[in-house]
PDB file of all heavy atoms in Angstrom:
ATOM      1  N   CYS A   1     101.807 146.504 110.829  1.00  0.00           N
ATOM      2  CA  CYS A   1     101.411 145.340 110.053  1.00  0.00           C
ATOM      3  C   CYS A   1     102.051 145.429 108.679  1.00  0.00           C
ATOM      4  O   CYS A   1     101.805 146.390 107.941  1.00  0.00           O
ATOM      5  CB  CYS A   1      99.892 145.266 109.927  1.00  0.00           C
ATOM      6  SG  CYS A   1      99.307 143.989 108.798  1.00  0.00           S
ATOM      7  N   ALA A   2     102.843 144.431 108.345  1.00  0.00           N
ATOM      8  CA  ALA A   2     103.504 144.366 107.057  1.00  0.00           C
ATOM      9  C   ALA A   2     102.847 143.300 106.189  1.00  0.00           C
ATOM     10  O   ALA A   2     102.677 142.156 106.622  1.00  0.00           O
ATOM     11  CB  ALA A   2     104.985 144.062 107.232  1.00  0.00           C
ATOM     12  N   ALA A   3     102.477 143.676 104.975  1.00  0.00           N
ATOM     13  CA  ALA A   3     101.851 142.768 104.029  1.00  0.00           C
ATOM     14  C   ALA A   3     102.858 142.305 102.984  1.00  0.00           C
ATOM     15  O   ALA A   3     103.723 143.072 102.552  1.00  0.00           O
ATOM     16  CB  ALA A   3     100.663 143.439 103.335  1.00  0.00           C
ATOM     17  N   SER A   4     102.727 141.055 102.591  1.00  0.00           N
ATOM     18  CA  SER A   4     103.571 140.511 101.540  1.00  0.00           C
ATOM     19  C   SER A   4     102.742 139.597 100.647  1.00  0.00           C
ATOM     20  O   SER A   4     101.681 139.125 101.045  1.00  0.00           O
ATOM     21  CB  SER A   4     104.764 139.751 102.126  1.00  0.00           C
ATOM     22  OG  SER A   4     104.334 138.654 102.913  1.00  0.00           O
ATOM     23  N   GLY A   5     103.229 139.350  99.441  1.00  0.00           N
ATOM     24  CA  GLY A   5     102.532 138.495  98.502  1.00  0.00           C
ATOM     25  C   GLY A   5     101.989 139.267  97.314  1.00  0.00           C
ATOM     26  O   GLY A   5     102.525 140.308  96.936  1.00  0.00           O
ATOM     27  N   ARG A   6     100.917 138.744  96.743  1.00  0.00           N
ATOM     28  CA  ARG A   6     100.296 139.353  95.568  1.00  0.00           C
ATOM     29  C   ARG A   6      99.331 140.447  96.020  1.00  0.00           C
ATOM     30  O   ARG A   6      98.149 140.189  96.246  1.00  0.00           O
ATOM     31  CB  ARG A   6      99.583 138.292  94.740  1.00  0.00           C
ATOM     32  CG  ARG A   6     100.506 137.212  94.187  1.00  0.00           C
ATOM     33  CD  ARG A   6      99.727 136.181  93.381  1.00  0.00           C
ATOM     34  NE  ARG A   6     100.586 135.160  92.810  1.00  0.00           N
ATOM     35  CZ  ARG A   6     100.893 134.028  93.408  1.00  0.00           C
ATOM     36  NH1 ARG A   6     100.400 133.760  94.614  1.00  0.00           N
ATOM     37  NH2 ARG A   6     101.682 133.153  92.819  1.00  0.00           N
ATOM     38  N   ILE A   7      99.833 141.668  96.117  1.00  0.00           N
ATOM     39  CA  ILE A   7      99.082 142.788  96.677  1.00  0.00           C
ATOM     40  C   ILE A   7      98.644 143.718  95.563  1.00  0.00           C
ATOM     41  O   ILE A   7      99.472 144.217  94.791  1.00  0.00           O
ATOM     42  CB  ILE A   7      99.926 143.540  97.709  1.00  0.00           C
ATOM     43  CG1 ILE A   7     100.370 142.588  98.823  1.00  0.00           C
ATOM     44  CG2 ILE A   7      99.144 144.712  98.280  1.00  0.00           C
ATOM     45  CD1 ILE A   7     101.442 143.159  99.717  1.00  0.00           C
ATOM     46  N   SER A   8      97.354 143.984  95.481  1.00  0.00           N
ATOM     47  CA  SER A   8      96.821 144.941  94.522  1.00  0.00           C
ATOM     48  C   SER A   8      97.211 146.354  94.924  1.00  0.00           C
ATOM     49  O   SER A   8      97.302 146.673  96.115  1.00  0.00           O
ATOM     50  CB  SER A   8      95.304 144.837  94.429  1.00  0.00           C
ATOM     51  OG  SER A   8      94.901 143.558  93.972  1.00  0.00           O
ATOM     52  N   GLY A   9      97.419 147.209  93.923  1.00  0.00           N
ATOM     53  CA  GLY A   9      97.802 148.581  94.197  1.00  0.00           C
ATOM     54  C   GLY A   9      96.707 149.400  94.845  1.00  0.00           C
ATOM     55  O   GLY A   9      96.994 150.321  95.615  1.00  0.00           O
ATOM     56  N   VAL A  10      95.449 149.087  94.563  1.00  0.00           N
ATOM     57  CA  VAL A  10      94.304 149.790  95.126  1.00  0.00           C
ATOM     58  C   VAL A  10      93.677 148.891  96.184  1.00  0.00           C
ATOM     59  O   VAL A  10      93.162 147.815  95.870  1.00  0.00           O
ATOM     60  CB  VAL A  10      93.271 150.158  94.053  1.00  0.00           C
ATOM     61  CG1 VAL A  10      92.072 150.851  94.687  1.00  0.00           C
ATOM     62  CG2 VAL A  10      93.908 151.043  92.987  1.00  0.00           C
ATOM     63  N   ASN A  11      93.711 149.338  97.419  1.00  0.00           N
ATOM     64  CA  ASN A  11      93.220 148.494  98.500  1.00  0.00           C
ATOM     65  C   ASN A  11      92.991 149.318  99.751  1.00  0.00           C
ATOM     66  O   ASN A  11      93.457 150.447  99.863  1.00  0.00           O
ATOM     67  CB  ASN A  11      94.203 147.354  98.803  1.00  0.00           C
ATOM     68  CG  ASN A  11      95.563 147.857  99.261  1.00  0.00           C
ATOM     69  OD1 ASN A  11      95.695 148.363 100.387  1.00  0.00           O
ATOM     70  ND2 ASN A  11      96.568 147.721  98.409  1.00  0.00           N
ATOM     71  N   PHE A  12      92.246 148.735 100.680  1.00  0.00           N
ATOM     72  CA  PHE A  12      92.161 149.234 102.041  1.00  0.00           C
ATOM     73  C   PHE A  12      93.062 148.391 102.921  1.00  0.00           C
ATOM     74  O   PHE A  12      93.123 147.166 102.781  1.00  0.00           O
ATOM     75  CB  PHE A  12      90.736 149.129 102.597  1.00  0.00           C
ATOM     76  CG  PHE A  12      89.757 150.110 102.031  1.00  0.00           C
ATOM     77  CD1 PHE A  12      88.906 149.758 100.996  1.00  0.00           C
ATOM     78  CD2 PHE A  12      89.663 151.386 102.562  1.00  0.00           C
ATOM     79  CE1 PHE A  12      87.987 150.651 100.490  1.00  0.00           C
ATOM     80  CE2 PHE A  12      88.743 152.299 102.063  1.00  0.00           C
ATOM     81  CZ  PHE A  12      87.905 151.927 101.023  1.00  0.00           C
ATOM     82  N   MET A  13      93.734 149.033 103.849  1.00  0.00           N
ATOM     83  CA  MET A  13      94.373 148.343 104.950  1.00  0.00           C
ATOM     84  C   MET A  13      93.827 148.918 106.247  1.00  0.00           C
ATOM     85  O   MET A  13      93.575 150.124 106.341  1.00  0.00           O
ATOM     86  CB  MET A  13      95.894 148.477 104.914  1.00  0.00           C
ATOM     87  CG  MET A  13      96.545 147.789 103.714  1.00  0.00           C
ATOM     88  SD  MET A  13      98.355 147.751 103.803  1.00  0.00           S
ATOM     89  CE  MET A  13      98.612 146.467 105.047  1.00  0.00           C
ATOM     90  N   GLY A  14      93.622 148.056 107.214  1.00  0.00           N
ATOM     91  CA  GLY A  14      93.037 148.542 108.442  1.00  0.00           C
ATOM     92  C   GLY A  14      93.233 147.611 109.607  1.00  0.00           C
ATOM     93  O   GLY A  14      93.925 146.592 109.511  1.00  0.00           O
ATOM     94  N   TRP A  15      92.614 148.009 110.711  1.00  0.00           N
ATOM     95  CA  TRP A  15      92.695 147.268 111.954  1.00  0.00           C
ATOM     96  C   TRP A  15      91.307 146.986 112.487  1.00  0.00           C
ATOM     97  O   TRP A  15      90.456 147.877 112.542  1.00  0.00           O
ATOM     98  CB  TRP A  15      93.485 148.056 113.004  1.00  0.00           C
ATOM     99  CG  TRP A  15      94.917 148.238 112.643  1.00  0.00           C
ATOM    100  CD1 TRP A  15      95.479 149.259 111.949  1.00  0.00           C
ATOM    101  CD2 TRP A  15      95.986 147.334 112.955  1.00  0.00           C
ATOM    102  NE1 TRP A  15      96.828 149.068 111.810  1.00  0.00           N
ATOM    103  CE2 TRP A  15      97.166 147.885 112.424  1.00  0.00           C
ATOM    104  CE3 TRP A  15      96.065 146.122 113.636  1.00  0.00           C
ATOM    105  CZ2 TRP A  15      98.407 147.262 112.555  1.00  0.00           C
ATOM    106  CZ3 TRP A  15      97.291 145.509 113.764  1.00  0.00           C
ATOM    107  CH2 TRP A  15      98.441 146.078 113.227  1.00  0.00           C
ATOM    108  N   TYR A  16      91.080 145.748 112.864  1.00  0.00           N
ATOM    109  CA  TYR A  16      89.894 145.317 113.571  1.00  0.00           C
ATOM    110  C   TYR A  16      90.313 144.852 114.958  1.00  0.00           C
ATOM    111  O   TYR A  16      91.473 144.545 115.199  1.00  0.00           O
ATOM    112  CB  TYR A  16      89.201 144.170 112.841  1.00  0.00           C
ATOM    113  CG  TYR A  16      88.510 144.552 111.552  1.00  0.00           C
ATOM    114  CD1 TYR A  16      89.239 144.940 110.429  1.00  0.00           C
ATOM    115  CD2 TYR A  16      87.120 144.504 111.445  1.00  0.00           C
ATOM    116  CE1 TYR A  16      88.604 145.280 109.248  1.00  0.00           C
ATOM    117  CE2 TYR A  16      86.482 144.842 110.267  1.00  0.00           C
ATOM    118  CZ  TYR A  16      87.224 145.222 109.175  1.00  0.00           C
ATOM    119  OH  TYR A  16      86.596 145.552 107.996  1.00  0.00           O
ATOM    120  N   ARG A  17      89.353 144.786 115.870  1.00  0.00           N
ATOM    121  CA  ARG A  17      89.653 144.249 117.186  1.00  0.00           C
ATOM    122  C   ARG A  17      88.498 143.385 117.665  1.00  0.00           C
ATOM    123  O   ARG A  17      87.347 143.576 117.280  1.00  0.00           O
ATOM    124  CB  ARG A  17      89.950 145.351 118.204  1.00  0.00           C
ATOM    125  CG  ARG A  17      88.781 146.263 118.539  1.00  0.00           C
ATOM    126  CD  ARG A  17      89.261 147.426 119.407  1.00  0.00           C
ATOM    127  NE  ARG A  17      88.181 148.324 119.765  1.00  0.00           N
ATOM    128  CZ  ARG A  17      88.344 149.480 120.384  1.00  0.00           C
ATOM    129  NH1 ARG A  17      89.578 149.882 120.727  1.00  0.00           N
ATOM    130  NH2 ARG A  17      87.303 150.245 120.681  1.00  0.00           N
ATOM    131  N   GLN A  18      88.839 142.433 118.503  1.00  0.00           N
ATOM    132  CA  GLN A  18      87.851 141.526 119.067  1.00  0.00           C
ATOM    133  C   GLN A  18      88.110 141.393 120.560  1.00  0.00           C
ATOM    134  O   GLN A  18      89.134 140.855 120.975  1.00  0.00           O
ATOM    135  CB  GLN A  18      87.901 140.160 118.394  1.00  0.00           C
ATOM    136  CG  GLN A  18      86.778 139.238 118.812  1.00  0.00           C
ATOM    137  CD  GLN A  18      86.646 138.038 117.895  1.00  0.00           C
ATOM    138  OE1 GLN A  18      87.558 137.706 117.148  1.00  0.00           O
ATOM    139  NE2 GLN A  18      85.499 137.393 117.943  1.00  0.00           N
ATOM    140  N   ALA A  19      87.178 141.908 121.344  1.00  0.00           N
ATOM    141  CA  ALA A  19      87.221 141.786 122.789  1.00  0.00           C
ATOM    142  C   ALA A  19      86.557 140.482 123.204  1.00  0.00           C
ATOM    143  O   ALA A  19      85.804 139.882 122.425  1.00  0.00           O
ATOM    144  CB  ALA A  19      86.525 142.977 123.440  1.00  0.00           C
ATOM    145  N   PRO A  20      86.812 140.024 124.432  1.00  0.00           N
ATOM    146  CA  PRO A  20      86.195 138.768 124.881  1.00  0.00           C
ATOM    147  C   PRO A  20      84.682 138.781 124.743  1.00  0.00           C
ATOM    148  O   PRO A  20      84.012 139.752 125.114  1.00  0.00           O
ATOM    149  CB  PRO A  20      86.621 138.681 126.343  1.00  0.00           C
ATOM    150  CG  PRO A  20      87.904 139.433 126.398  1.00  0.00           C
ATOM    151  CD  PRO A  20      87.735 140.569 125.436  1.00  0.00           C
ATOM    152  N   GLU A  21      84.146 137.736 124.182  1.00  0.00           N
ATOM    153  CA  GLU A  21      82.706 137.534 124.016  1.00  0.00           C
ATOM    154  C   GLU A  21      82.045 138.600 123.150  1.00  0.00           C
ATOM    155  O   GLU A  21      80.836 138.822 123.238  1.00  0.00           O
ATOM    156  CB  GLU A  21      82.006 137.441 125.380  1.00  0.00           C
ATOM    157  CG  GLU A  21      82.492 136.285 126.224  1.00  0.00           C
ATOM    158  CD  GLU A  21      81.733 136.140 127.514  1.00  0.00           C
ATOM    159  OE1 GLU A  21      81.236 137.149 128.052  1.00  0.00           O
ATOM    160  OE2 GLU A  21      81.617 134.998 127.992  1.00  0.00           O
ATOM    161  N   LYS A  22      82.811 139.262 122.298  1.00  0.00           N
ATOM    162  CA  LYS A  22      82.266 140.233 121.372  1.00  0.00           C
ATOM    163  C   LYS A  22      82.710 139.901 119.953  1.00  0.00           C
ATOM    164  O   LYS A  22      83.680 139.177 119.740  1.00  0.00           O
ATOM    165  CB  LYS A  22      82.687 141.657 121.738  1.00  0.00           C
ATOM    166  CG  LYS A  22      82.110 142.150 123.045  1.00  0.00           C
ATOM    167  CD  LYS A  22      82.418 143.612 123.283  1.00  0.00           C
ATOM    168  CE  LYS A  22      81.777 144.117 124.548  1.00  0.00           C
ATOM    169  NZ  LYS A  22      82.071 145.549 124.781  1.00  0.00           N
ATOM    170  N   GLU A  23      81.988 140.440 118.984  1.00  0.00           N
ATOM    171  CA  GLU A  23      82.315 140.213 117.591  1.00  0.00           C
ATOM    172  C   GLU A  23      83.479 141.096 117.161  1.00  0.00           C
ATOM    173  O   GLU A  23      83.719 142.164 117.731  1.00  0.00           O
ATOM    174  CB  GLU A  23      81.103 140.483 116.707  1.00  0.00           C
ATOM    175  CG  GLU A  23      79.925 139.550 116.948  1.00  0.00           C
ATOM    176  CD  GLU A  23      80.264 138.114 116.631  1.00  0.00           C
ATOM    177  OE1 GLU A  23      80.864 137.855 115.560  1.00  0.00           O
ATOM    178  OE2 GLU A  23      79.940 137.240 117.459  1.00  0.00           O
ATOM    179  N   ARG A  24      84.196 140.640 116.156  1.00  0.00           N
ATOM    180  CA  ARG A  24      85.267 141.437 115.587  1.00  0.00           C
ATOM    181  C   ARG A  24      84.683 142.705 114.962  1.00  0.00           C
ATOM    182  O   ARG A  24      83.703 142.647 114.221  1.00  0.00           O
ATOM    183  CB  ARG A  24      86.019 140.617 114.543  1.00  0.00           C
ATOM    184  CG  ARG A  24      87.287 141.271 114.030  1.00  0.00           C
ATOM    185  CD  ARG A  24      88.043 140.356 113.077  1.00  0.00           C
ATOM    186  NE  ARG A  24      88.437 139.108 113.713  1.00  0.00           N
ATOM    187  CZ  ARG A  24      89.178 138.174 113.134  1.00  0.00           C
ATOM    188  NH1 ARG A  24      89.632 138.349 111.896  1.00  0.00           N
ATOM    189  NH2 ARG A  24      89.474 137.061 113.788  1.00  0.00           N
ATOM    190  N   ALA A  25      85.281 143.849 115.261  1.00  0.00           N
ATOM    191  CA  ALA A  25      84.756 145.131 114.821  1.00  0.00           C
ATOM    192  C   ALA A  25      85.860 145.997 114.230  1.00  0.00           C
ATOM    193  O   ALA A  25      87.000 145.981 114.704  1.00  0.00           O
ATOM    194  CB  ALA A  25      84.090 145.867 115.983  1.00  0.00           C
ATOM    195  N   LEU A  26      85.507 146.771 113.228  1.00  0.00           N
ATOM    196  CA  LEU A  26      86.446 147.678 112.583  1.00  0.00           C
ATOM    197  C   LEU A  26      86.839 148.803 113.526  1.00  0.00           C
ATOM    198  O   LEU A  26      85.984 149.445 114.133  1.00  0.00           O
ATOM    199  CB  LEU A  26      85.827 148.250 111.314  1.00  0.00           C
ATOM    200  CG  LEU A  26      86.653 149.291 110.556  1.00  0.00           C
ATOM    201  CD1 LEU A  26      87.927 148.676 110.002  1.00  0.00           C
ATOM    202  CD2 LEU A  26      85.820 149.902 109.427  1.00  0.00           C
ATOM    203  N   VAL A  27      88.136 149.058 113.624  1.00  0.00           N
ATOM    204  CA  VAL A  27      88.668 150.166 114.404  1.00  0.00           C
ATOM    205  C   VAL A  27      89.006 151.348 113.497  1.00  0.00           C
ATOM    206  O   VAL A  27      88.574 152.477 113.731  1.00  0.00           O
ATOM    207  CB  VAL A  27      89.913 149.741 115.200  1.00  0.00           C
ATOM    208  CG1 VAL A  27      90.488 150.927 115.973  1.00  0.00           C
ATOM    209  CG2 VAL A  27      89.577 148.597 116.140  1.00  0.00           C
TER     210      VAL A  27
END
């Protein structure tokens, strides 16, 4: 995953996933 734009130096980057009929959850 490549980010572009106005990006703060201090941040979290991560991945979430959403399976069928389930809520999006942090991986």
